[in-house]
Structures are given as structure tokens and as C-alpha cells.
PDB file of N, CA and C in Angstrom:
ATOM      1  N   MET A   1     -17.041  -8.651   9.857  1.00  0.00           N
ATOM      2  CA  MET A   1     -15.938  -9.107  10.031  1.00  0.00           C
ATOM      3  C   MET A   1     -14.983  -8.056   8.846  1.00  0.00           C
ATOM      4  N   HIS A   2     -14.276  -6.489   9.434  1.00  0.00           N
ATOM      5  CA  HIS A   2     -13.446  -6.454   8.757  1.00  0.00           C
ATOM      6  C   HIS A   2     -11.844  -6.242   8.902  1.00  0.00           C
ATOM      7  N   LEU A   3     -11.142  -5.967   7.743  1.00  0.00           N
ATOM      8  CA  LEU A   3      -9.799  -6.418   8.398  1.00  0.00           C
ATOM      9  C   LEU A   3      -9.190  -5.122   9.234  1.00  0.00           C
ATOM     10  N   TYR A   4      -8.358  -5.637   9.957  1.00  0.00           N
ATOM     11  CA  TYR A   4      -7.750  -4.603  10.569  1.00  0.00           C
ATOM     12  C   TYR A   4      -6.445  -4.914  11.773  1.00  0.00           C
ATOM     13  N   GLY A   5      -5.642  -4.773  11.978  1.00  0.00           N
ATOM     14  CA  GLY A   5      -4.235  -4.878  12.659  1.00  0.00           C
ATOM     15  C   GLY A   5      -3.730  -5.971  12.499  1.00  0.00           C
ATOM     16  N   ASP A   6      -3.409  -7.000  13.378  1.00  0.00           N
ATOM     17  CA  ASP A   6      -2.834  -8.595  13.217  1.00  0.00           C
ATOM     18  C   ASP A   6      -3.478  -8.587  11.553  1.00  0.00           C
ATOM     19  N   ILE A   7      -4.920  -9.214  12.231  1.00  0.00           N
ATOM     20  CA  ILE A   7      -6.088  -9.915  11.258  1.00  0.00           C
ATOM     21  C   ILE A   7      -5.266  -9.272   9.928  1.00  0.00           C
ATOM     22  N   LEU A   8      -5.428  -8.495   9.583  1.00  0.00           N
ATOM     23  CA  LEU A   8      -4.558  -7.499   7.605  1.00  0.00           C
ATOM     24  C   LEU A   8      -3.016  -8.146   8.030  1.00  0.00           C
ATOM     25  N   GLU A   9      -2.426  -8.187   9.099  1.00  0.00           N
ATOM     26  CA  GLU A   9      -1.090  -8.181   8.850  1.00  0.00           C
ATOM     27  C   GLU A   9      -1.110  -9.877   8.154  1.00  0.00           C
ATOM     28  N   LYS A  10      -1.732 -11.017   9.399  1.00  0.00           N
ATOM     29  CA  LYS A  10      -1.886 -12.421   8.799  1.00  0.00           C
ATOM     30  C   LYS A  10      -2.404 -12.978   7.803  1.00  0.00           C
ATOM     31  N   TYR A  11      -3.426 -11.827   7.034  1.00  0.00           N
ATOM     32  CA  TYR A  11      -4.148 -12.081   6.271  1.00  0.00           C
ATOM     33  C   TYR A  11      -3.035 -12.039   4.749  1.00  0.00           C
ATOM     34  N   VAL A  12      -2.961 -10.914   4.237  1.00  0.00           N
ATOM     35  CA  VAL A  12      -1.815 -10.498   3.585  1.00  0.00           C
ATOM     36  C   VAL A  12      -0.419 -11.765   3.430  1.00  0.00           C
ATOM     37  N   SER A  13       0.016 -12.251   4.989  1.00  0.00           N
ATOM     38  CA  SER A  13       1.078 -12.825   4.629  1.00  0.00           C
ATOM     39  C   SER A  13       0.651 -14.611   4.777  1.00  0.00           C
ATOM     40  N   ARG A  14      -0.872 -14.786   4.377  1.00  0.00           N
ATOM     41  CA  ARG A  14      -1.626 -16.227   4.772  1.00  0.00           C
ATOM     42  C   ARG A  14      -1.038 -16.974   5.982  1.00  0.00           C
ATOM     43  N   ASP A  15      -0.702 -16.325   6.918  1.00  0.00           N
ATOM     44  CA  ASP A  15      -0.565 -16.899   7.939  1.00  0.00           C
ATOM     45  C   ASP A  15      -1.725 -17.237   9.216  1.00  0.00           C
ATOM     46  N   LEU A  16      -3.013 -18.100   8.223  1.00  0.00           N
ATOM     47  CA  LEU A  16      -4.220 -18.108   9.528  1.00  0.00           C
ATOM     48  C   LEU A  16      -4.521 -19.151   8.644  1.00  0.00           C
ATOM     49  N   PRO A  17      -5.620 -20.067   8.993  1.00  0.00           N
ATOM     50  CA  PRO A  17      -6.132 -21.251   9.344  1.00  0.00           C
ATOM     51  C   PRO A  17      -6.560 -21.298   7.636  1.00  0.00           C
ATOM     52  N   ALA A  18      -6.982 -22.123   6.945  1.00  0.00           N
ATOM     53  CA  ALA A  18      -6.836 -22.625   5.685  1.00  0.00           C
ATOM     54  C   ALA A  18      -8.976 -21.888   5.598  1.00  0.00           C
ATOM     55  N   GLN A  19      -9.273 -22.212   6.542  1.00  0.00           N
ATOM     56  CA  GLN A  19     -10.763 -22.339   6.678  1.00  0.00           C
ATOM     57  C   GLN A  19     -11.099 -20.848   7.218  1.00  0.00           C
ATOM     58  N   MET A  20     -10.478 -20.009   7.715  1.00  0.00           N
ATOM     59  CA  MET A  20     -10.765 -18.272   8.124  1.00  0.00           C
ATOM     60  C   MET A  20      -9.857 -17.603   6.856  1.00  0.00           C
ATOM     61  N   LEU A  21      -9.354 -18.048   6.281  1.00  0.00           N
ATOM     62  CA  LEU A  21      -8.127 -17.379   4.870  1.00  0.00           C
ATOM     63  C   LEU A  21      -9.796 -17.941   3.445  1.00  0.00           C
ATOM     64  N   GLY A  22     -10.176 -18.878   3.875  1.00  0.00           N
ATOM     65  CA  GLY A  22     -11.176 -18.640   2.643  1.00  0.00           C
ATOM     66  C   GLY A  22     -12.402 -18.106   3.228  1.00  0.00           C
ATOM     67  N   SER A  23     -12.939 -17.603   4.263  1.00  0.00           N
ATOM     68  CA  SER A  23     -14.384 -16.700   4.648  1.00  0.00           C
ATOM     69  C   SER A  23     -13.329 -15.439   4.673  1.00  0.00           C
ATOM     70  N   ILE A  24     -12.328 -15.120   4.747  1.00  0.00           N
ATOM     71  CA  ILE A  24     -11.747 -13.841   4.097  1.00  0.00           C
ATOM     72  C   ILE A  24     -11.770 -13.837   3.190  1.00  0.00           C
ATOM     73  N   ASP A  25     -11.092 -14.351   2.134  1.00  0.00           N
ATOM     74  CA  ASP A  25     -10.761 -14.657   0.896  1.00  0.00           C
ATOM     75  C   ASP A  25     -12.478 -13.729   0.369  1.00  0.00           C
ATOM     76  N   ALA A  26     -13.798 -14.572   0.798  1.00  0.00           N
ATOM     77  CA  ALA A  26     -15.018 -14.451   0.492  1.00  0.00           C
ATOM     78  C   ALA A  26     -15.568 -13.095   0.518  1.00  0.00           C
ATOM     79  N   HIS A  27     -14.833 -12.547   1.967  1.00  0.00           N
ATOM     80  CA  HIS A  27     -15.160 -11.638   2.401  1.00  0.00           C
ATOM     81  C   HIS A  27     -14.836  -9.793   1.485  1.00  0.00           C
ATOM     82  N   VAL A  28     -13.791 -10.379   1.386  1.00  0.00           N
ATOM     83  CA  VAL A  28     -13.001  -9.278   0.651  1.00  0.00           C
ATOM     84  C   VAL A  28     -13.890  -9.114  -0.986  1.00  0.00           C
ATOM     85  N   SER A  29     -13.922  -9.904  -1.381  1.00  0.00           N
ATOM     86  CA  SER A  29     -14.192  -9.964  -2.815  1.00  0.00           C
ATOM     87  C   SER A  29     -15.781  -9.738  -2.856  1.00  0.00           C
ATOM     88  N   ASN A  30     -16.686  -9.096  -1.321  1.00  0.00           N
ATOM     89  CA  ASN A  30     -17.766  -8.467  -1.516  1.00  0.00           C
ATOM     90  C   ASN A  30     -17.511  -7.313  -0.490  1.00  0.00           C
ATOM     91  N   CYS A  31     -16.607  -6.486  -0.316  1.00  0.00           N
ATOM     92  CA  CYS A  31     -15.977  -5.505   0.871  1.00  0.00           C
ATOM     93  C   CYS A  31     -15.179  -4.605   0.548  1.00  0.00           C
ATOM     94  N   LEU A  32     -15.779  -3.235   0.251  1.00  0.00           N
ATOM     95  CA  LEU A  32     -15.142  -1.995   0.023  1.00  0.00           C
ATOM     96  C   LEU A  32     -14.284  -2.049   0.443  1.00  0.00           C
ATOM     97  N   SER A  33     -14.047  -1.867   1.853  1.00  0.00           N
ATOM     98  CA  SER A  33     -13.487  -0.872   3.186  1.00  0.00           C
ATOM     99  C   SER A  33     -12.394  -1.701   2.972  1.00  0.00           C
ATOM    100  N   CYS A  34     -13.081  -3.610   3.199  1.00  0.00           N
ATOM    101  CA  CYS A  34     -11.361  -4.443   3.526  1.00  0.00           C
ATOM    102  C   CYS A  34     -10.539  -4.713   2.052  1.00  0.00           C
ATOM    103  N   THR A  35     -11.338  -4.059   0.915  1.00  0.00           N
ATOM    104  CA  THR A  35     -10.697  -4.247  -0.320  1.00  0.00           C
ATOM    105  C   THR A  35      -9.869  -2.818  -0.096  1.00  0.00           C
ATOM    106  N   HIS A  36     -10.139  -1.679   0.190  1.00  0.00           N
ATOM    107  CA  HIS A  36      -9.106  -0.341   0.180  1.00  0.00           C
ATOM    108  C   HIS A  36      -8.082  -0.750   1.274  1.00  0.00           C
ATOM    109  N   ALA A  37      -8.818  -2.010   2.048  1.00  0.00           N
ATOM    110  CA  ALA A  37      -7.630  -1.573   3.397  1.00  0.00           C
ATOM    111  C   ALA A  37      -6.475  -2.555   3.135  1.00  0.00           C
ATOM    112  N   LEU A  38      -6.289  -3.414   2.184  1.00  0.00           N
ATOM    113  CA  LEU A  38      -5.705  -3.961   1.746  1.00  0.00           C
ATOM    114  C   LEU A  38      -4.880  -3.358   0.416  1.00  0.00           C
ATOM    115  N   ALA A  39      -5.637  -2.661   0.289  1.00  0.00           N
ATOM    116  CA  ALA A  39      -4.877  -1.756  -0.791  1.00  0.00           C
ATOM    117  C   ALA A  39      -3.514  -0.806  -0.685  1.00  0.00           C
ATOM    118  N   ALA A  40      -3.999  -0.114   0.921  1.00  0.00           N
ATOM    119  CA  ALA A  40      -3.036   0.168   1.467  1.00  0.00           C
ATOM    120  C   ALA A  40      -2.451  -0.091   1.472  1.00  0.00           C
ATOM    121  N   HIS A  41      -2.461  -1.156   2.127  1.00  0.00           N
ATOM    122  CA  HIS A  41      -0.882  -1.812   2.995  1.00  0.00           C
ATOM    123  C   HIS A  41      -0.632  -2.360   2.031  1.00  0.00           C
ATOM    124  N   ALA A  42      -0.521  -2.761   1.055  1.00  0.00           N
ATOM    125  CA  ALA A  42      -0.326  -2.950  -0.255  1.00  0.00           C
ATOM    126  C   ALA A  42       0.597  -1.863  -0.652  1.00  0.00           C
ATOM    127  N   THR A  43       0.229  -0.599  -0.765  1.00  0.00           N
ATOM    128  CA  THR A  43       1.019   0.498  -1.246  1.00  0.00           C
ATOM    129  C   THR A  43       1.430   1.465  -0.281  1.00  0.00           C
ATOM    130  N   ALA A  44       1.655   1.425   0.748  1.00  0.00           N
ATOM    131  CA  ALA A  44       2.666   1.733   1.268  1.00  0.00           C
ATOM    132  C   ALA A  44       3.409   0.746   2.240  1.00  0.00           C
ATOM    133  N   ASP A  45       3.979  -0.667   1.994  1.00  0.00           N
ATOM    134  CA  ASP A  45       4.510  -1.401   1.277  1.00  0.00           C
ATOM    135  C   ASP A  45       6.069  -1.014   0.587  1.00  0.00           C
ATOM    136  N   THR A  46       4.973  -0.642  -0.175  1.00  0.00           N
ATOM    137  CA  THR A  46       6.027  -0.446  -1.702  1.00  0.00           C
ATOM    138  C   THR A  46       6.373   0.995  -2.348  1.00  0.00           C
ATOM    139  N   ASN A  47       6.198   1.670  -1.259  1.00  0.00           N
ATOM    140  CA  ASN A  47       6.036   3.302  -1.550  1.00  0.00           C
ATOM    141  C   ASN A  47       5.723   3.979  -3.275  1.00  0.00           C
ATOM    142  N   TRP A  48       4.032   3.416  -3.177  1.00  0.00           N
ATOM    143  CA  TRP A  48       3.550   3.642  -4.082  1.00  0.00           C
ATOM    144  C   TRP A  48       2.377   4.146  -3.390  1.00  0.00           C
ATOM    145  N   GLU A  49       2.200   5.518  -4.657  1.00  0.00           N
ATOM    146  CA  GLU A  49       0.343   5.706  -3.580  1.00  0.00           C
ATOM    147  C   GLU A  49      -0.202   6.334  -4.368  1.00  0.00           C
ATOM    148  N   ARG A  50      -1.838   6.066  -4.495  1.00  0.00           N
ATOM    149  CA  ARG A  50      -2.709   7.114  -5.736  1.00  0.00           C
ATOM    150  C   ARG A  50      -3.206   8.259  -5.687  1.00  0.00           C
ATOM    151  N   ARG A  51      -2.977   9.006  -7.032  1.00  0.00           N
ATOM    152  CA  ARG A  51      -2.664  10.217  -6.934  1.00  0.00           C
ATOM    153  C   ARG A  51      -3.515  10.479  -7.987  1.00  0.00           C
ATOM    154  N   GLY A  52      -4.694  12.155  -8.832  1.00  0.00           N
ATOM    155  CA  GLY A  52      -4.926  12.397  -9.680  1.00  0.00           C
ATOM    156  C   GLY A  52      -6.044  11.880  -9.466  1.00  0.00           C
ATOM    157  N   TRP A  53      -7.341  12.603 -10.371  1.00  0.00           N
ATOM    158  CA  TRP A  53      -8.206  12.231 -10.768  1.00  0.00           C
ATOM    159  C   TRP A  53      -8.683  10.087 -10.927  1.00  0.00           C
ATOM    160  N   LEU A  54      -7.931   9.968 -11.037  1.00  0.00           N
ATOM    161  CA  LEU A  54      -8.087   8.427 -11.664  1.00  0.00           C
ATOM    162  C   LEU A  54      -7.314   7.653 -10.866  1.00  0.00           C
ATOM    163  N   GLY A  55      -6.574   7.988  -9.267  1.00  0.00           N
ATOM    164  CA  GLY A  55      -6.682   7.410  -8.984  1.00  0.00           C
ATOM    165  C   GLY A  55      -5.017   6.593  -9.505  1.00  0.00           C
ATOM    166  N   ARG A  56      -4.414   7.452 -10.502  1.00  0.00           N
ATOM    167  CA  ARG A  56      -3.691   6.210 -10.625  1.00  0.00           C
ATOM    168  C   ARG A  56      -2.044   6.683 -10.056  1.00  0.00           C
ATOM    169  N   LEU A  57      -0.981   5.018  -9.714  1.00  0.00           N
ATOM    170  CA  LEU A  57      -0.313   4.425  -9.080  1.00  0.00           C
ATOM    171  C   LEU A  57       0.978   5.204  -9.237  1.00  0.00           C
ATOM    172  N   VAL A  58       1.811   6.123  -8.363  1.00  0.00           N
ATOM    173  CA  VAL A  58       2.496   7.034  -8.640  1.00  0.00           C
ATOM    174  C   VAL A  58       3.779   5.813  -7.825  1.00  0.00           C
ATOM    175  N   ARG A  59       5.130   5.877  -8.029  1.00  0.00           N
ATOM    176  CA  ARG A  59       6.382   6.052  -7.018  1.00  0.00           C
ATOM    177  C   ARG A  59       6.578   6.654  -6.510  1.00  0.00           C
ATOM    178  N   VAL A  60       6.875   6.412  -4.958  1.00  0.00           N
ATOM    179  CA  VAL A  60       6.692   7.410  -4.057  1.00  0.00           C
ATOM    180  C   VAL A  60       8.116   7.646  -4.148  1.00  0.00           C
ATOM    181  N   ASP A  61       9.320   8.308  -4.023  1.00  0.00           N
ATOM    182  CA  ASP A  61      10.642   7.919  -3.258  1.00  0.00           C
ATOM    183  C   ASP A  61      10.609   8.732  -2.536  1.00  0.00           C
ATOM    184  N   ALA A  62      11.620   8.187  -1.733  1.00  0.00           N
ATOM    185  CA  ALA A  62      11.979   8.585  -0.117  1.00  0.00           C
ATOM    186  C   ALA A  62      12.248  10.338  -0.129  1.00  0.00           C
ATOM    187  N   PRO A  63      11.859  11.419   0.592  1.00  0.00           N
ATOM    188  CA  PRO A  63      12.045  12.020   0.865  1.00  0.00           C
ATOM    189  C   PRO A  63      13.610  13.266   1.084  1.00  0.00           C
ATOM    190  N   GLY A  64      14.606  12.316   1.731  1.00  0.00           N
ATOM    191  CA  GLY A  64      15.572  12.618   1.421  1.00  0.00           C
ATOM    192  C   GLY A  64      16.528  12.777   0.111  1.00  0.00           C
ATOM    193  N   LEU A  65      16.607  11.502  -0.762  1.00  0.00           N
ATOM    194  CA  LEU A  65      17.033  11.327  -1.777  1.00  0.00           C
ATOM    195  C   LEU A  65      16.322  12.462  -2.851  1.00  0.00           C
ATOM    196  N   THR A  66      14.964  12.644  -3.306  1.00  0.00           N
ATOM    197  CA  THR A  66      14.546  13.726  -3.990  1.00  0.00           C
ATOM    198  C   THR A  66      14.999  15.553  -3.739  1.00  0.00           C
ATOM    199  N   ASP A  67      15.711  15.787  -2.595  1.00  0.00           N
ATOM    200  CA  ASP A  67      16.264  16.969  -1.655  1.00  0.00           C
ATOM    201  C   ASP A  67      17.709  16.631  -2.211  1.00  0.00           C
ATOM    202  N   THR A  68      18.495  16.134  -1.651  1.00  0.00           N
ATOM    203  CA  THR A  68      19.989  15.546  -2.051  1.00  0.00           C
ATOM    204  C   THR A  68      19.633  15.737  -3.807  1.00  0.00           C
ATOM    205  N   GLY A  69      19.385  15.399  -4.731  1.00  0.00           N
ATOM    206  CA  GLY A  69      19.437  15.272  -5.893  1.00  0.00           C
ATOM    207  C   GLY A  69      18.936  16.536  -6.635  1.00  0.00           C
ATOM    208  N   ASP A  70      18.249  17.083  -5.947  1.00  0.00           N
ATOM    209  CA  ASP A  70      17.631  18.586  -6.809  1.00  0.00           C
ATOM    210  C   ASP A  70      18.684  19.503  -6.176  1.00  0.00           C
ATOM    211  N   THR A  71      19.097  19.300  -4.722  1.00  0.00           N
ATOM    212  CA  THR A  71      20.659  20.719  -4.779  1.00  0.00           C
ATOM    213  C   THR A  71      21.957  20.024  -5.201  1.00  0.00           C
ATOM    214  N   GLU A  72      21.899  18.884  -6.137  1.00  0.00           N
ATOM    215  CA  GLU A  72      22.940  18.893  -6.159  1.00  0.00           C
ATOM    216  C   GLU A  72      23.181  19.283  -7.998  1.00  0.00           C
ATOM    217  N   LEU A  73      21.427  19.225  -8.604  1.00  0.00           N
ATOM    218  CA  LEU A  73      21.272  19.422 -10.221  1.00  0.00           C
ATOM    219  C   LEU A  73      21.328  21.284  -9.536  1.00  0.00           C
ATOM    220  N   ARG A  74      21.036  21.766  -9.442  1.00  0.00           N
ATOM    221  CA  ARG A  74      21.109  23.220  -8.363  1.00  0.00           C
ATOM    222  C   ARG A  74      22.578  23.742  -8.434  1.00  0.00           C
ATOM    223  N   ALA A  75      23.611  22.581  -8.635  1.00  0.00           N
ATOM    224  CA  ALA A  75      24.742  22.950  -7.850  1.00  0.00           C
ATOM    225  C   ALA A  75      25.616  23.426  -9.510  1.00  0.00           C
ATOM    226  N   ARG A  76      25.622  22.341  -9.924  1.00  0.00           N
ATOM    227  CA  ARG A  76      25.743  21.738 -11.557  1.00  0.00           C
ATOM    228  C   ARG A  76      25.376  22.972 -12.327  1.00  0.00           C
ATOM    229  N   ALA A  77      23.979  23.653 -11.994  1.00  0.00           N
ATOM    230  CA  ALA A  77      23.210  24.490 -12.834  1.00  0.00           C
ATOM    231  C   ALA A  77      24.274  25.618 -13.010  1.00  0.00           C
ATOM    232  N   ALA A  78      24.852  26.459 -11.761  1.00  0.00           N
ATOM    233  CA  ALA A  78      25.719  27.533 -11.258  1.00  0.00           C
ATOM    234  C   ALA A  78      26.470  27.524 -11.615  1.00  0.00           C
TER     235      ALA A  78
END
């Protein structure tokens, strides 16, 4: 059993029966695919992503905020 869709969401929110949570915990501790799914879910919710050769977590700003700040800096420099 791998984590997808509703099961993934319910597992993250711990909204499953205790026995099922225990079996998923055991599965995730041995399944690289599910570990990556959980990591991707966590980074997507908090605007972090892995970058570079070492896969370091980097905070990602919203695209609109970066463009506005860049425009203001260029206007001040001119």
C-alpha cells in the first residue's frame, strides 16, 4: 500500500483509525516512495523546494512578490 490522494491527506492530518496509522507508519519507515510523497506534500504546503546537488531545502517566494520588489529596486536605481 502506497500513500496517494485522500489517504495521504488523512495520514498527514492523522485522521485515520489508530491501527491504520500504525501500519502506515511502519510502511513509510521502509518505503522510499512514500517517504518522498510525504516530503513533497510537506514542501508544497510550506513553499519550500529542494534545489542543488545536495537537495537542500530553499524557501520559495510567491512569483508576484519577487517581480514587484525587483521593479521597485530598478526604479530606485534609475
